[in-house]
Amino acid sequence: MKVLITGATGGIGRALIKVFYRNGWEILAVGRNQNMLTELKEKYKEKLNIYSLDIEVEKNIDELFKSLEGQHIELLINGAGIGELGYFEDISYGVEKRMIDINIIALIKFTKYFYGKTEGIINISSTAGFQYGGPLMTGYYATKSFINSFTFGLMGEGGKTRMMLLCPGPTLTNFKGVNKELKGLAKFYTTTPEEVAEKCYSDYLKEKRISIPGKINKILYFFNKMMPIMFQLKAIKKIQEKKTKK
């Protein structure tokens, strides 16, 4: 069995490689960091094929697809994603566009190519995608809301490719705004990449539609539906403002 993972050099991506390798899968790892990909290749040997490219550039993706012709890949994991912390007026258009190109355009392009050809697709989003919005991470939250809606739409269409949405909360990676020194409530709802990867694999085998790692994150997911819009936005703004001061 083969799985293709984009964003393979990130924290969750690397953890997913470990889980799938342990369970006997052959892995196609797509990422920008050639050095990290080489390290992964040295570790996992013949079970791992690496593809170094920037998926922000569409022609790079087209070239990857050409190189994959003839291969049967059972599962696609759209894991590549970036975020930016700060007030919208202070973030350049170029940065906002790059988030859209990687978080949305590349995800659609990979999904369009593999949908109907592969048994399953896992789109990695975030619990942020269930919020009304994300002050100080406005563009990022918006891209995650798109991923959620896009994935649910494909679920509703009922095609032969099974869709799953993975929505981790704050995770201990190098993602912008994540604090490695956990304090207060953050200790209870922050997960590790390993926890996210294990939950993802387990829920996919169980044929779940949505995977939300962490019990607290699941509870917050249900409470979110009952929160008034402005109350939720003000709460998120306070959290993000604290991140900008670190």
Protein backbone atom coordinates (compact mmCIF):
# COMPACT_ATOMS: atom_id res chain seq x y z
CA MET A 1 0.00 0.00 0.00
CA LYS A 2 1.19 3.48 -0.85
CA VAL A 3 0.46 6.82 0.80
CA LEU A 4 1.51 10.22 -0.54
CA ILE A 5 2.01 12.91 2.11
CA THR A 6 2.50 16.60 1.34
CA GLY A 7 4.11 18.73 4.01
CA ALA A 8 6.12 15.66 4.91
CA THR A 9 8.98 17.52 6.61
CA GLY A 10 6.71 19.31 9.09
CA GLY A 11 6.02 18.04 12.60
CA ILE A 12 2.76 16.26 11.83
CA GLY A 13 4.03 15.10 8.44
CA ARG A 14 7.12 13.46 9.94
CA ALA A 15 4.99 11.81 12.62
CA LEU A 16 2.61 10.45 9.99
CA ILE A 17 5.53 8.94 8.09
CA LYS A 18 6.58 7.08 11.23
CA VAL A 19 3.09 5.71 11.84
CA PHE A 20 2.50 4.58 8.26
CA TYR A 21 5.99 3.06 8.04
CA ARG A 22 5.39 1.08 11.23
CA ASN A 23 2.19 -0.29 9.70
CA GLY A 24 3.86 -1.49 6.52
CA TRP A 25 2.98 1.27 4.06
CA GLU A 26 5.25 2.56 1.31
CA ILE A 27 5.47 6.35 1.64
CA LEU A 28 5.85 9.09 -0.96
CA ALA A 29 7.03 12.16 0.93
CA VAL A 30 6.60 15.61 -0.64
CA GLY A 31 8.28 18.62 0.96
CA ARG A 32 10.42 21.69 0.33
CA ASN A 33 13.34 20.94 2.64
CA GLN A 34 15.76 18.71 0.72
CA ASN A 35 18.01 18.16 3.74
CA MET A 36 15.13 16.93 5.91
CA LEU A 37 13.87 14.70 3.11
CA THR A 38 17.34 13.19 2.75
CA GLU A 39 17.44 12.48 6.49
CA LEU A 40 14.06 10.76 6.25
CA LYS A 41 15.25 8.69 3.28
CA GLU A 42 18.31 7.53 5.22
CA LYS A 43 16.07 6.48 8.10
CA TYR A 44 13.27 4.69 6.22
CA LYS A 45 15.30 3.41 3.23
CA GLU A 46 13.40 1.66 0.48
CA LYS A 47 10.01 2.24 2.16
CA LEU A 48 10.27 5.97 1.50
CA ASN A 49 10.43 7.88 -1.79
CA ILE A 50 11.18 11.59 -1.53
CA TYR A 51 10.09 14.46 -3.77
CA SER A 52 11.58 17.86 -3.07
CA LEU A 53 9.47 20.67 -4.51
CA ASP A 54 7.66 23.86 -3.59
CA ILE A 55 3.96 23.19 -4.11
CA GLU A 56 3.29 26.93 -4.11
CA VAL A 57 4.31 26.75 -7.79
CA GLU A 58 1.65 24.89 -9.78
CA LYS A 59 4.00 23.73 -12.55
CA ASN A 60 6.04 21.89 -9.89
CA ILE A 61 2.93 19.92 -8.97
CA ASP A 62 2.25 19.14 -12.64
CA GLU A 63 5.78 17.77 -13.00
CA LEU A 64 5.28 15.62 -9.90
CA PHE A 65 2.08 14.18 -11.34
CA LYS A 66 3.91 13.23 -14.54
CA SER A 67 6.54 11.37 -12.52
CA LEU A 68 3.81 9.46 -10.67
CA GLU A 69 2.03 8.19 -13.78
CA GLY A 70 1.46 4.45 -13.64
CA GLN A 71 1.67 4.23 -9.85
CA HIS A 72 -1.33 3.20 -7.78
CA ILE A 73 -1.50 5.25 -4.60
CA GLU A 74 -4.11 4.14 -2.08
CA LEU A 75 -4.14 7.25 0.08
CA LEU A 76 -3.37 10.96 -0.31
CA ILE A 77 -2.75 13.14 2.73
CA ASN A 78 -2.87 16.86 2.02
CA GLY A 79 -0.72 17.99 4.92
CA ALA A 80 1.13 21.04 3.62
CA GLY A 81 0.07 24.29 5.22
CA ILE A 82 1.41 27.62 6.47
CA GLY A 83 0.10 30.40 8.69
CA GLU A 84 0.90 33.99 9.60
CA LEU A 85 0.35 35.80 12.89
CA GLY A 86 -0.48 39.50 13.00
CA TYR A 87 -3.05 42.13 12.12
CA PHE A 88 -4.36 41.86 8.56
CA GLU A 89 -3.27 45.42 7.74
CA ASP A 90 0.31 44.57 8.71
CA ILE A 91 0.60 41.40 6.62
CA SER A 92 1.57 41.86 2.98
CA TYR A 93 -0.61 40.71 0.11
CA GLY A 94 2.21 38.41 -0.99
CA VAL A 95 2.14 36.56 2.32
CA GLU A 96 -1.65 36.23 2.24
CA LYS A 97 -1.53 34.95 -1.34
CA ARG A 98 1.15 32.42 -0.45
CA MET A 99 -1.12 31.02 2.28
CA ILE A 100 -3.91 30.66 -0.26
CA ASP A 101 -1.61 29.07 -2.86
CA ILE A 102 -0.32 26.44 -0.42
CA ASN A 103 -3.30 25.89 1.90
CA ILE A 104 -6.01 26.00 -0.76
CA ILE A 105 -4.83 25.95 -4.39
CA ALA A 106 -2.29 23.15 -3.95
CA LEU A 107 -4.77 21.12 -1.88
CA ILE A 108 -7.42 21.45 -4.59
CA LYS A 109 -4.90 20.54 -7.29
CA PHE A 110 -3.76 17.38 -5.48
CA THR A 111 -7.34 16.42 -4.66
CA LYS A 112 -8.47 17.00 -8.24
CA TYR A 113 -5.72 14.73 -9.57
CA PHE A 114 -6.23 11.87 -7.10
CA TYR A 115 -9.99 12.05 -6.53
CA GLY A 116 -11.57 8.99 -8.11
CA LYS A 117 -8.18 7.31 -8.55
CA THR A 118 -7.32 6.62 -4.95
CA GLU A 119 -9.21 4.88 -2.15
CA GLY A 120 -8.93 7.74 0.33
CA ILE A 121 -7.95 11.36 0.83
CA ILE A 122 -7.22 12.96 4.19
CA ASN A 123 -7.27 16.75 4.25
CA ILE A 124 -5.44 18.21 7.24
CA SER A 125 -7.26 21.28 8.44
CA SER A 126 -7.52 22.62 12.00
CA THR A 127 -10.06 23.24 14.73
CA ALA A 128 -9.59 26.85 13.55
CA GLY A 129 -11.69 25.89 10.55
CA PHE A 130 -14.76 25.51 12.78
CA GLN A 131 -14.49 29.05 14.20
CA TYR A 132 -16.37 32.08 12.89
CA GLY A 133 -13.02 33.74 12.23
CA GLY A 134 -9.55 34.20 13.65
CA PRO A 135 -8.51 37.75 14.53
CA LEU A 136 -4.74 38.22 14.06
CA MET A 137 -4.68 35.03 11.97
CA THR A 138 -7.52 36.04 9.70
CA GLY A 139 -6.12 34.63 6.46
CA TYR A 140 -5.06 31.35 8.03
CA TYR A 141 -8.43 30.71 9.71
CA ALA A 142 -10.17 31.52 6.44
CA THR A 143 -8.12 28.95 4.52
CA LYS A 144 -8.95 26.30 7.10
CA SER A 145 -12.66 27.13 6.89
CA PHE A 146 -12.38 26.60 3.14
CA ILE A 147 -10.72 23.20 3.61
CA ASN A 148 -13.49 22.11 5.97
CA SER A 149 -16.26 23.20 3.61
CA PHE A 150 -14.51 21.75 0.56
CA THR A 151 -13.98 18.39 2.23
CA PHE A 152 -17.54 18.18 3.57
CA GLY A 153 -18.83 19.02 0.10
CA LEU A 154 -16.96 16.08 -1.41
CA MET A 155 -18.27 13.83 1.37
CA GLY A 156 -21.78 14.89 0.41
CA GLU A 157 -21.18 14.12 -3.25
CA GLY A 158 -20.45 10.54 -2.26
CA GLY A 159 -17.72 9.76 -4.78
CA LYS A 160 -15.80 6.51 -4.67
CA THR A 161 -12.82 8.18 -2.96
CA ARG A 162 -13.40 8.28 0.79
CA MET A 163 -12.74 11.67 2.38
CA MET A 164 -11.60 12.33 5.94
CA LEU A 165 -11.01 15.68 7.63
CA LEU A 166 -8.24 15.83 10.24
CA CYS A 167 -8.63 18.83 12.54
CA PRO A 168 -5.94 19.09 15.20
CA GLY A 169 -5.95 21.94 17.69
CA PRO A 170 -2.72 23.63 18.78
CA THR A 171 0.11 21.15 18.18
CA LEU A 172 3.71 21.26 19.39
CA THR A 173 5.40 21.92 16.06
CA ASN A 174 7.37 24.84 14.63
CA PHE A 175 4.13 26.41 13.44
CA LYS A 176 4.03 30.17 13.93
CA GLY A 177 2.41 31.23 17.21
CA VAL A 178 2.70 27.86 18.94
CA ASN A 179 4.31 28.19 22.34
CA LYS A 180 6.50 25.27 23.39
CA GLU A 181 6.37 26.39 27.07
CA LEU A 182 2.80 25.40 27.87
CA LYS A 183 0.98 27.26 30.62
CA GLY A 184 -2.58 27.31 31.95
CA LEU A 185 -5.30 25.74 29.83
CA ALA A 186 -2.88 25.27 26.92
CA LYS A 187 -1.47 22.24 28.75
CA PHE A 188 -4.80 20.48 28.37
CA TYR A 189 -5.73 21.12 24.74
CA THR A 190 -2.31 21.15 23.07
CA THR A 191 -1.28 17.88 21.43
CA THR A 192 1.98 16.46 20.09
CA PRO A 193 2.53 15.58 16.41
CA GLU A 194 2.77 11.93 17.45
CA GLU A 195 -0.66 12.04 19.12
CA VAL A 196 -2.17 13.65 16.04
CA ALA A 197 -0.60 11.09 13.69
CA GLU A 198 -1.75 8.11 15.77
CA LYS A 199 -5.29 9.49 15.97
CA CYS A 200 -5.32 10.19 12.24
CA TYR A 201 -4.27 6.65 11.33
CA SER A 202 -6.66 5.03 13.80
CA ASP A 203 -9.65 7.09 12.70
CA TYR A 204 -8.93 6.49 9.02
CA LEU A 205 -8.98 2.74 9.59
CA LYS A 206 -12.28 3.18 11.44
CA GLU A 207 -13.62 5.03 8.37
CA LYS A 208 -14.44 8.16 10.35
CA ARG A 209 -15.34 11.36 8.53
CA ILE A 210 -13.84 13.80 11.03
CA SER A 211 -10.81 13.22 13.25
CA ILE A 212 -10.22 15.65 16.13
CA PRO A 213 -7.21 14.69 18.27
CA GLY A 214 -7.46 15.46 21.99
CA LYS A 215 -10.53 15.08 24.24
CA ILE A 216 -10.57 18.77 25.18
CA ASN A 217 -10.52 19.77 21.52
CA LYS A 218 -13.55 17.57 20.87
CA ILE A 219 -15.42 19.20 23.74
CA LEU A 220 -14.48 22.67 22.49
CA TYR A 221 -15.71 21.68 19.02
CA PHE A 222 -19.22 21.11 20.38
CA PHE A 223 -19.20 24.18 22.67
CA ASN A 224 -18.08 26.31 19.73
CA LYS A 225 -21.48 25.87 18.09
CA MET A 226 -23.19 27.54 21.05
CA MET A 227 -20.88 30.56 21.48
CA PRO A 228 -22.09 33.99 20.33
CA ILE A 229 -20.05 35.24 17.39
CA MET A 230 -18.51 38.32 19.01
CA PHE A 231 -17.74 36.48 22.25
CA GLN A 232 -15.83 33.87 20.29
CA LEU A 233 -13.96 36.42 18.19
CA LYS A 234 -12.92 38.47 21.24
CA ALA A 235 -11.67 35.32 22.99
CA ILE A 236 -9.59 34.29 19.98
CA LYS A 237 -8.19 37.80 19.62
CA LYS A 238 -6.94 37.75 23.22
CA ILE A 239 -5.22 34.41 22.66
CA GLN A 240 -3.51 35.59 19.48
CA GLU A 241 -2.46 38.92 21.01
CA LYS A 242 -0.61 37.02 23.74
CA LYS A 243 1.28 35.10 21.04
CA THR A 244 2.48 38.31 19.38
CA LYS A 245 4.08 39.46 22.63
CA LYS A 246 6.24 36.34 23.06
